[in-house]
Amino acid sequence: MQVVILSGGEGIHLPGSGETIAKGMVAINGQPAICHIMDQFSSYGFNDFIVCAGKHQADIKKFFLDYYARSNDVLVDLGSNSAIVETTIRKQWRVRIVDTGISTATGGRIKAITKYLPPYEPFIVAYADVLADVNIKELIERHQASQKKATITIYNASQKFGVVELENDGSVAHFRNRNPKGSSLINIGFIVMEPSVLDLISGPNTVLEKYPLEELARQEQLGSFIHEGFYAKLDTLSDKIMLNDLFASGLVKFGN
């Protein structure tokens, strides 16, 4: 099953650096956030990734092209004009980075990588700025049992984002605007989608969290999976500091 990671946003400005970088490339305990997300999926046997990149696509491509050379010893033989990266530990990841445009919306980015998706298999969509120890196996089992077109992972948190309301059977009834005075279930990504969902994305300006998911809810074709473990969203420098401390202390660890 393909894992699609949305990493095409404006990024995050880190004070003192003088530059803005993709949120997924923000270093958390020595490696970019997107690598922690990949470790999470890889621990469940999912190693085939498509990164929907945008403004910072060149940085993401360079990082993965230089992945082993940067983190291991390198033997350069100038006589034979060859180089060997000396490592005994290798990731099983297969990462395709696709430039899906600078201003393309979340739905449009998924539509742009349609040609790389198996036409008859579901796929999983994750956000590059969301870290959560979601049980991927149980998520997929939930989706398969529901026989719905899509299943979103939801989490009980402060209403900073759009709120999800559920039917008694766990189906998503509808989305509503946030209420700053309350707390409820929010969409945190980790969305399993059947290929037919792509038909609801009309073009580059389609926001996944608007019409496609709202329409699926109206059709009673949007299921839910409640996550009760660790969850964090990387938006600010304080988020980076908090996540770095958690991963460095060993309190949070994805993968093996």
C-alpha atoms as a PDB file:
ATOM      1  CA  MET A   1       0.000   0.000   0.000  1.00  0.00           C
ATOM      2  CA  GLN A   2       1.353   3.406  -0.982  1.00  0.00           C
ATOM      3  CA  VAL A   3       1.840   6.033   1.727  1.00  0.00           C
ATOM      4  CA  VAL A   4       1.263   9.590   0.487  1.00  0.00           C
ATOM      5  CA  ILE A   5       2.819  12.342   2.618  1.00  0.00           C
ATOM      6  CA  LEU A   6       1.626  15.913   2.115  1.00  0.00           C
ATOM      7  CA  SER A   7       4.623  18.230   2.450  1.00  0.00           C
ATOM      8  CA  GLY A   8       3.822  21.173   0.200  1.00  0.00           C
ATOM      9  CA  GLY A   9       2.962  23.930   2.655  1.00  0.00           C
ATOM     10  CA  GLU A  10       4.690  27.223   3.352  1.00  0.00           C
ATOM     11  CA  GLY A  11       6.913  25.623   5.954  1.00  0.00           C
ATOM     12  CA  ILE A  12       8.148  27.005   9.243  1.00  0.00           C
ATOM     13  CA  HIS A  13      10.463  29.934   9.990  1.00  0.00           C
ATOM     14  CA  LEU A  14      13.112  29.084  12.532  1.00  0.00           C
ATOM     15  CA  PRO A  15      14.383  32.202  14.324  1.00  0.00           C
ATOM     16  CA  GLY A  16      18.102  32.779  13.884  1.00  0.00           C
ATOM     17  CA  SER A  17      18.328  30.703  10.718  1.00  0.00           C
ATOM     18  CA  GLY A  18      17.116  33.455   8.422  1.00  0.00           C
ATOM     19  CA  GLU A  19      15.218  30.935   6.330  1.00  0.00           C
ATOM     20  CA  THR A  20      12.002  28.990   6.109  1.00  0.00           C
ATOM     21  CA  ILE A  21      12.071  25.220   5.717  1.00  0.00           C
ATOM     22  CA  ALA A  22       9.441  22.572   5.092  1.00  0.00           C
ATOM     23  CA  LYS A  23       7.842  21.444   8.344  1.00  0.00           C
ATOM     24  CA  GLY A  24       8.642  17.861   7.496  1.00  0.00           C
ATOM     25  CA  MET A  25      12.334  18.760   7.257  1.00  0.00           C
ATOM     26  CA  VAL A  26      12.509  20.302  10.738  1.00  0.00           C
ATOM     27  CA  ALA A  27      15.061  18.298  12.735  1.00  0.00           C
ATOM     28  CA  ILE A  28      13.621  16.378  15.670  1.00  0.00           C
ATOM     29  CA  ASN A  29      16.277  14.579  17.707  1.00  0.00           C
ATOM     30  CA  GLY A  30      18.721  14.562  14.812  1.00  0.00           C
ATOM     31  CA  GLN A  31      16.474  13.649  11.899  1.00  0.00           C
ATOM     32  CA  PRO A  32      13.697  15.417   9.989  1.00  0.00           C
ATOM     33  CA  ALA A  33      10.131  14.993  11.204  1.00  0.00           C
ATOM     34  CA  ILE A  34       9.225  13.268   7.932  1.00  0.00           C
ATOM     35  CA  CYS A  35      11.744  10.513   8.719  1.00  0.00           C
ATOM     36  CA  HIS A  36      10.063   9.836  12.060  1.00  0.00           C
ATOM     37  CA  ILE A  37       6.771   9.508  10.171  1.00  0.00           C
ATOM     38  CA  MET A  38       8.377   7.095   7.714  1.00  0.00           C
ATOM     39  CA  ASP A  39       9.809   5.092  10.611  1.00  0.00           C
ATOM     40  CA  GLN A  40       6.281   4.844  12.000  1.00  0.00           C
ATOM     41  CA  PHE A  41       4.908   3.379   8.769  1.00  0.00           C
ATOM     42  CA  SER A  42       7.978   1.225   8.165  1.00  0.00           C
ATOM     43  CA  SER A  43       7.502  -0.487  11.526  1.00  0.00           C
ATOM     44  CA  TYR A  44       4.213  -1.822  10.112  1.00  0.00           C
ATOM     45  CA  GLY A  45       5.818  -2.942   6.870  1.00  0.00           C
ATOM     46  CA  PHE A  46       4.938   0.072   4.719  1.00  0.00           C
ATOM     47  CA  ASN A  47       8.035   1.379   2.937  1.00  0.00           C
ATOM     48  CA  ASP A  48       6.705   2.802  -0.338  1.00  0.00           C
ATOM     49  CA  PHE A  49       6.289   6.575  -0.023  1.00  0.00           C
ATOM     50  CA  ILE A  50       5.199   9.409  -2.268  1.00  0.00           C
ATOM     51  CA  VAL A  51       6.023  12.873  -0.936  1.00  0.00           C
ATOM     52  CA  CYS A  52       3.786  15.593  -2.378  1.00  0.00           C
ATOM     53  CA  ALA A  53       6.193  18.514  -2.241  1.00  0.00           C
ATOM     54  CA  GLY A  54       5.871  22.161  -3.165  1.00  0.00           C
ATOM     55  CA  LYS A  55       7.832  25.263  -2.291  1.00  0.00           C
ATOM     56  CA  HIS A  56      10.634  23.326  -0.588  1.00  0.00           C
ATOM     57  CA  GLN A  57      10.740  20.350  -2.945  1.00  0.00           C
ATOM     58  CA  ALA A  58      14.403  20.885  -3.861  1.00  0.00           C
ATOM     59  CA  ASP A  59      15.482  20.625  -0.211  1.00  0.00           C
ATOM     60  CA  ILE A  60      13.514  17.407   0.289  1.00  0.00           C
ATOM     61  CA  LYS A  61      15.002  15.852  -2.856  1.00  0.00           C
ATOM     62  CA  LYS A  62      18.543  16.812  -1.846  1.00  0.00           C
ATOM     63  CA  PHE A  63      18.078  15.347   1.622  1.00  0.00           C
ATOM     64  CA  PHE A  64      17.079  11.916   0.330  1.00  0.00           C
ATOM     65  CA  LEU A  65      19.631  11.914  -2.477  1.00  0.00           C
ATOM     66  CA  ASP A  66      22.372  12.516   0.103  1.00  0.00           C
ATOM     67  CA  TYR A  67      20.790  10.359   2.828  1.00  0.00           C
ATOM     68  CA  TYR A  68      23.528   7.721   3.216  1.00  0.00           C
ATOM     69  CA  ALA A  69      26.478   9.916   2.276  1.00  0.00           C
ATOM     70  CA  ARG A  70      25.575  12.404   4.973  1.00  0.00           C
ATOM     71  CA  SER A  71      25.146   9.934   7.824  1.00  0.00           C
ATOM     72  CA  ASN A  72      27.898   7.356   7.107  1.00  0.00           C
ATOM     73  CA  ASP A  73      31.570   7.071   6.213  1.00  0.00           C
ATOM     74  CA  VAL A  74      32.340   7.494   2.525  1.00  0.00           C
ATOM     75  CA  LEU A  75      35.293   5.942   0.655  1.00  0.00           C
ATOM     76  CA  VAL A  76      36.180   8.017  -2.407  1.00  0.00           C
ATOM     77  CA  ASP A  77      38.596   6.378  -4.855  1.00  0.00           C
ATOM     78  CA  LEU A  78      39.833   9.164  -7.115  1.00  0.00           C
ATOM     79  CA  GLY A  79      41.866   6.743  -9.215  1.00  0.00           C
ATOM     80  CA  SER A  80      38.813   4.782 -10.336  1.00  0.00           C
ATOM     81  CA  ASN A  81      36.459   7.731  -9.996  1.00  0.00           C
ATOM     82  CA  SER A  82      34.173   5.797  -7.659  1.00  0.00           C
ATOM     83  CA  ALA A  83      32.657   6.247  -4.240  1.00  0.00           C
ATOM     84  CA  ILE A  84      31.357   3.766  -1.676  1.00  0.00           C
ATOM     85  CA  VAL A  85      29.128   4.640   1.248  1.00  0.00           C
ATOM     86  CA  GLU A  86      30.287   2.430   4.088  1.00  0.00           C
ATOM     87  CA  THR A  87      27.181   1.424   6.002  1.00  0.00           C
ATOM     88  CA  THR A  88      25.778  -1.861   7.248  1.00  0.00           C
ATOM     89  CA  ILE A  89      22.386  -0.445   8.200  1.00  0.00           C
ATOM     90  CA  ARG A  90      20.026   0.410   5.388  1.00  0.00           C
ATOM     91  CA  LYS A  91      16.486   1.713   5.280  1.00  0.00           C
ATOM     92  CA  GLN A  92      13.982  -0.202   3.190  1.00  0.00           C
ATOM     93  CA  TRP A  93      12.237   3.003   2.122  1.00  0.00           C
ATOM     94  CA  ARG A  94      11.369   3.731  -1.490  1.00  0.00           C
ATOM     95  CA  VAL A  95      10.737   7.475  -1.644  1.00  0.00           C
ATOM     96  CA  ARG A  96       9.352   9.314  -4.661  1.00  0.00           C
ATOM     97  CA  ILE A  97       9.408  13.129  -4.232  1.00  0.00           C
ATOM     98  CA  VAL A  98       7.001  14.870  -6.598  1.00  0.00           C
ATOM     99  CA  ASP A  99       6.868  18.609  -7.216  1.00  0.00           C
ATOM    100  CA  THR A 100       3.106  19.196  -6.968  1.00  0.00           C
ATOM    101  CA  GLY A 101       3.297  22.992  -7.223  1.00  0.00           C
ATOM    102  CA  ILE A 102       3.813  25.905  -4.890  1.00  0.00           C
ATOM    103  CA  SER A 103       0.209  26.958  -4.265  1.00  0.00           C
ATOM    104  CA  THR A 104      -1.616  23.676  -4.909  1.00  0.00           C
ATOM    105  CA  ALA A 105      -4.191  22.714  -2.253  1.00  0.00           C
ATOM    106  CA  THR A 106      -4.032  19.436  -0.319  1.00  0.00           C
ATOM    107  CA  GLY A 107      -6.533  17.641  -2.535  1.00  0.00           C
ATOM    108  CA  GLY A 108      -4.880  18.940  -5.674  1.00  0.00           C
ATOM    109  CA  ARG A 109      -1.529  17.555  -4.530  1.00  0.00           C
ATOM    110  CA  ILE A 110      -3.015  14.075  -4.204  1.00  0.00           C
ATOM    111  CA  LYS A 111      -4.660  14.393  -7.611  1.00  0.00           C
ATOM    112  CA  ALA A 112      -1.279  15.360  -9.098  1.00  0.00           C
ATOM    113  CA  ILE A 113       0.301  12.035  -8.107  1.00  0.00           C
ATOM    114  CA  THR A 114      -2.562   9.849  -9.386  1.00  0.00           C
ATOM    115  CA  LYS A 115      -0.351   8.274 -12.059  1.00  0.00           C
ATOM    116  CA  TYR A 116       1.895   6.847  -9.333  1.00  0.00           C
ATOM    117  CA  LEU A 117      -0.953   5.212  -7.387  1.00  0.00           C
ATOM    118  CA  PRO A 118      -2.075   1.621  -8.075  1.00  0.00           C
ATOM    119  CA  PRO A 119      -5.524   2.009  -9.728  1.00  0.00           C
ATOM    120  CA  TYR A 120      -7.254  -0.722  -7.718  1.00  0.00           C
ATOM    121  CA  GLU A 121      -5.654  -0.422  -4.292  1.00  0.00           C
ATOM    122  CA  PRO A 122      -6.316   1.878  -1.328  1.00  0.00           C
ATOM    123  CA  PHE A 123      -3.588   4.247  -0.159  1.00  0.00           C
ATOM    124  CA  ILE A 124      -2.829   6.167   3.044  1.00  0.00           C
ATOM    125  CA  VAL A 125      -2.483   9.945   3.302  1.00  0.00           C
ATOM    126  CA  ALA A 126      -0.461  11.515   6.114  1.00  0.00           C
ATOM    127  CA  TYR A 127       0.602  15.072   6.916  1.00  0.00           C
ATOM    128  CA  ALA A 128       4.337  15.825   7.142  1.00  0.00           C
ATOM    129  CA  ASP A 129       3.780  18.044  10.185  1.00  0.00           C
ATOM    130  CA  VAL A 130       1.778  15.541  12.269  1.00  0.00           C
ATOM    131  CA  LEU A 131       3.522  12.990  14.456  1.00  0.00           C
ATOM    132  CA  ALA A 132       1.375  10.321  16.107  1.00  0.00           C
ATOM    133  CA  ASP A 133       1.942   6.697  17.090  1.00  0.00           C
ATOM    134  CA  VAL A 134      -1.190   5.552  15.262  1.00  0.00           C
ATOM    135  CA  ASN A 135      -1.652   1.790  15.072  1.00  0.00           C
ATOM    136  CA  ILE A 136      -1.563   1.489  11.279  1.00  0.00           C
ATOM    137  CA  LYS A 137      -2.581  -2.181  11.304  1.00  0.00           C
ATOM    138  CA  GLU A 138      -5.732  -1.471  13.316  1.00  0.00           C
ATOM    139  CA  LEU A 139      -6.493   1.587  11.179  1.00  0.00           C
ATOM    140  CA  ILE A 140      -6.441  -0.481   7.985  1.00  0.00           C
ATOM    141  CA  GLU A 141      -8.498  -3.253   9.586  1.00  0.00           C
ATOM    142  CA  ARG A 142     -11.062  -0.673  10.654  1.00  0.00           C
ATOM    143  CA  HIS A 143     -11.230   0.708   7.128  1.00  0.00           C
ATOM    144  CA  GLN A 144     -11.624  -2.707   5.550  1.00  0.00           C
ATOM    145  CA  ALA A 145     -14.348  -3.710   7.996  1.00  0.00           C
ATOM    146  CA  SER A 146     -16.319  -0.498   7.371  1.00  0.00           C
ATOM    147  CA  GLN A 147     -16.327  -0.999   3.570  1.00  0.00           C
ATOM    148  CA  LYS A 148     -16.384   2.773   3.190  1.00  0.00           C
ATOM    149  CA  LYS A 149     -14.525   4.844   0.616  1.00  0.00           C
ATOM    150  CA  ALA A 150     -12.289   6.513   3.197  1.00  0.00           C
ATOM    151  CA  THR A 151     -11.406   6.330   6.882  1.00  0.00           C
ATOM    152  CA  ILE A 152      -9.880   9.234   8.779  1.00  0.00           C
ATOM    153  CA  THR A 153      -7.927   9.073  12.027  1.00  0.00           C
ATOM    154  CA  ILE A 154      -9.333  11.357  14.693  1.00  0.00           C
ATOM    155  CA  TYR A 155      -8.062  12.559  18.051  1.00  0.00           C
ATOM    156  CA  ASN A 156      -9.620  14.332  21.023  1.00  0.00           C
ATOM    157  CA  ALA A 157      -7.809  17.670  21.251  1.00  0.00           C
ATOM    158  CA  SER A 158      -8.394  21.408  21.572  1.00  0.00           C
ATOM    159  CA  GLN A 159     -10.469  22.798  18.743  1.00  0.00           C
ATOM    160  CA  LYS A 160      -7.737  24.535  16.828  1.00  0.00           C
ATOM    161  CA  PHE A 161      -8.845  22.769  13.680  1.00  0.00           C
ATOM    162  CA  GLY A 162     -12.043  21.627  11.978  1.00  0.00           C
ATOM    163  CA  VAL A 163     -14.113  19.349  14.184  1.00  0.00           C
ATOM    164  CA  VAL A 164     -15.543  15.951  13.307  1.00  0.00           C
ATOM    165  CA  GLU A 165     -18.934  14.718  14.529  1.00  0.00           C
ATOM    166  CA  LEU A 166     -19.696  11.001  14.454  1.00  0.00           C
ATOM    167  CA  GLU A 167     -22.713   8.767  14.057  1.00  0.00           C
ATOM    168  CA  ASN A 168     -23.259   5.960  16.573  1.00  0.00           C
ATOM    169  CA  ASP A 169     -21.569   3.434  14.258  1.00  0.00           C
ATOM    170  CA  GLY A 170     -18.416   5.547  13.938  1.00  0.00           C
ATOM    171  CA  SER A 171     -19.257   7.010  10.532  1.00  0.00           C
ATOM    172  CA  VAL A 172     -18.460  10.689  10.121  1.00  0.00           C
ATOM    173  CA  ALA A 173     -21.696  12.680  10.154  1.00  0.00           C
ATOM    174  CA  HIS A 174     -20.176  16.016   9.168  1.00  0.00           C
ATOM    175  CA  PHE A 175     -17.467  18.559   9.819  1.00  0.00           C
ATOM    176  CA  ARG A 176     -18.145  21.827  11.610  1.00  0.00           C
ATOM    177  CA  ASN A 177     -16.211  24.973  12.459  1.00  0.00           C
ATOM    178  CA  ARG A 178     -14.172  25.031  15.614  1.00  0.00           C
ATOM    179  CA  ASN A 179     -15.481  26.321  18.939  1.00  0.00           C
ATOM    180  CA  PRO A 180     -12.628  27.874  20.952  1.00  0.00           C
ATOM    181  CA  LYS A 181     -14.485  27.186  24.205  1.00  0.00           C
ATOM    182  CA  GLY A 182     -14.660  23.439  23.766  1.00  0.00           C
ATOM    183  CA  SER A 183     -12.746  20.374  22.749  1.00  0.00           C
ATOM    184  CA  SER A 184     -13.716  17.530  20.497  1.00  0.00           C
ATOM    185  CA  LEU A 185     -12.502  15.085  17.864  1.00  0.00           C
ATOM    186  CA  ILE A 186     -10.228  16.456  15.140  1.00  0.00           C
ATOM    187  CA  ASN A 187      -8.879  14.992  11.901  1.00  0.00           C
ATOM    188  CA  ILE A 188      -5.139  14.287  12.271  1.00  0.00           C
ATOM    189  CA  GLY A 189      -4.559  12.644   8.908  1.00  0.00           C
ATOM    190  CA  PHE A 190      -3.570   8.981   8.557  1.00  0.00           C
ATOM    191  CA  ILE A 191      -6.436   8.700   6.071  1.00  0.00           C
ATOM    192  CA  VAL A 192      -7.037   5.439   4.219  1.00  0.00           C
ATOM    193  CA  MET A 193      -8.608   6.137   0.812  1.00  0.00           C
ATOM    194  CA  GLU A 194     -10.020   4.004  -1.947  1.00  0.00           C
ATOM    195  CA  PRO A 195      -9.045   5.119  -5.494  1.00  0.00           C
ATOM    196  CA  SER A 196     -12.627   6.310  -6.119  1.00  0.00           C
ATOM    197  CA  VAL A 197     -12.010   9.247  -3.753  1.00  0.00           C
ATOM    198  CA  LEU A 198      -9.796  10.768  -6.446  1.00  0.00           C
ATOM    199  CA  ASP A 199     -12.937  11.371  -8.517  1.00  0.00           C
ATOM    200  CA  LEU A 200     -14.059  13.936  -5.919  1.00  0.00           C
ATOM    201  CA  ILE A 201     -10.933  16.049  -6.470  1.00  0.00           C
ATOM    202  CA  SER A 202     -11.595  18.393  -9.370  1.00  0.00           C
ATOM    203  CA  GLY A 203      -8.238  20.120  -9.670  1.00  0.00           C
ATOM    204  CA  PRO A 204      -5.290  21.882  -8.007  1.00  0.00           C
ATOM    205  CA  ASN A 205      -7.473  24.209  -5.923  1.00  0.00           C
ATOM    206  CA  THR A 206      -9.443  21.427  -4.231  1.00  0.00           C
ATOM    207  CA  VAL A 207      -8.874  21.308  -0.474  1.00  0.00           C
ATOM    208  CA  LEU A 208      -9.054  17.687   0.660  1.00  0.00           C
ATOM    209  CA  GLU A 209     -10.516  18.619   4.030  1.00  0.00           C
ATOM    210  CA  LYS A 210     -13.356  20.562   2.407  1.00  0.00           C
ATOM    211  CA  TYR A 211     -15.447  19.162  -0.442  1.00  0.00           C
ATOM    212  CA  PRO A 212     -13.993  15.631  -0.824  1.00  0.00           C
ATOM    213  CA  LEU A 213     -14.216  14.646   2.844  1.00  0.00           C
ATOM    214  CA  GLU A 214     -17.411  16.618   3.438  1.00  0.00           C
ATOM    215  CA  GLU A 215     -19.036  14.971   0.417  1.00  0.00           C
ATOM    216  CA  LEU A 216     -17.980  11.517   1.607  1.00  0.00           C
ATOM    217  CA  ALA A 217     -19.574  12.285   4.966  1.00  0.00           C
ATOM    218  CA  ARG A 218     -22.806  13.301   3.211  1.00  0.00           C
ATOM    219  CA  GLN A 219     -22.700  10.035   1.265  1.00  0.00           C
ATOM    220  CA  GLU A 220     -22.127   8.115   4.524  1.00  0.00           C
ATOM    221  CA  GLN A 221     -18.882   6.873   2.993  1.00  0.00           C
ATOM    222  CA  LEU A 222     -16.430   8.321   5.518  1.00  0.00           C
ATOM    223  CA  GLY A 223     -15.413   6.153   8.443  1.00  0.00           C
ATOM    224  CA  SER A 224     -13.324   7.010  11.497  1.00  0.00           C
ATOM    225  CA  PHE A 225     -10.562   5.509  13.593  1.00  0.00           C
ATOM    226  CA  ILE A 226     -10.048   7.024  17.043  1.00  0.00           C
ATOM    227  CA  HIS A 227      -6.405   7.432  18.094  1.00  0.00           C
ATOM    228  CA  GLU A 228      -5.763   7.660  21.826  1.00  0.00           C
ATOM    229  CA  GLY A 229      -1.964   7.597  21.938  1.00  0.00           C
ATOM    230  CA  PHE A 230       0.697  10.214  21.270  1.00  0.00           C
ATOM    231  CA  TYR A 231      -0.150  13.086  18.920  1.00  0.00           C
ATOM    232  CA  ALA A 232       1.604  16.366  18.136  1.00  0.00           C
ATOM    233  CA  LYS A 233       1.459  18.920  15.346  1.00  0.00           C
ATOM    234  CA  LEU A 234       4.561  20.827  14.293  1.00  0.00           C
ATOM    235  CA  ASP A 235       3.607  24.454  13.722  1.00  0.00           C
ATOM    236  CA  THR A 236       5.963  26.627  15.752  1.00  0.00           C
ATOM    237  CA  LEU A 237       9.448  26.770  17.258  1.00  0.00           C
ATOM    238  CA  SER A 238       7.987  25.798  20.645  1.00  0.00           C
ATOM    239  CA  ASP A 239       6.485  22.686  19.012  1.00  0.00           C
ATOM    240  CA  LYS A 240       9.940  21.793  17.657  1.00  0.00           C
ATOM    241  CA  ILE A 241      11.544  22.231  21.080  1.00  0.00           C
ATOM    242  CA  MET A 242       8.857  20.129  22.777  1.00  0.00           C
ATOM    243  CA  LEU A 243       9.110  17.320  20.207  1.00  0.00           C
ATOM    244  CA  ASN A 244      12.897  17.346  20.282  1.00  0.00           C
ATOM    245  CA  ASP A 245      12.879  16.968  24.073  1.00  0.00           C
ATOM    246  CA  LEU A 246      10.365  14.105  23.940  1.00  0.00           C
ATOM    247  CA  PHE A 247      12.241  12.134  21.284  1.00  0.00           C
ATOM    248  CA  ALA A 248      15.663  12.851  22.827  1.00  0.00           C
ATOM    249  CA  SER A 249      14.468  11.583  26.215  1.00  0.00           C
ATOM    250  CA  GLY A 250      13.165   8.352  24.705  1.00  0.00           C
ATOM    251  CA  LEU A 251       9.639   9.035  25.923  1.00  0.00           C
ATOM    252  CA  VAL A 252       8.508   8.979  22.287  1.00  0.00           C
ATOM    253  CA  LYS A 253      10.017   6.733  19.625  1.00  0.00           C
ATOM    254  CA  PHE A 254       8.675   5.619  16.254  1.00  0.00           C
ATOM    255  CA  GLY A 255       9.778   2.486  14.473  1.00  0.00           C
ATOM    256  CA  ASN A 256      12.445   0.039  15.633  1.00  0.00           C
END
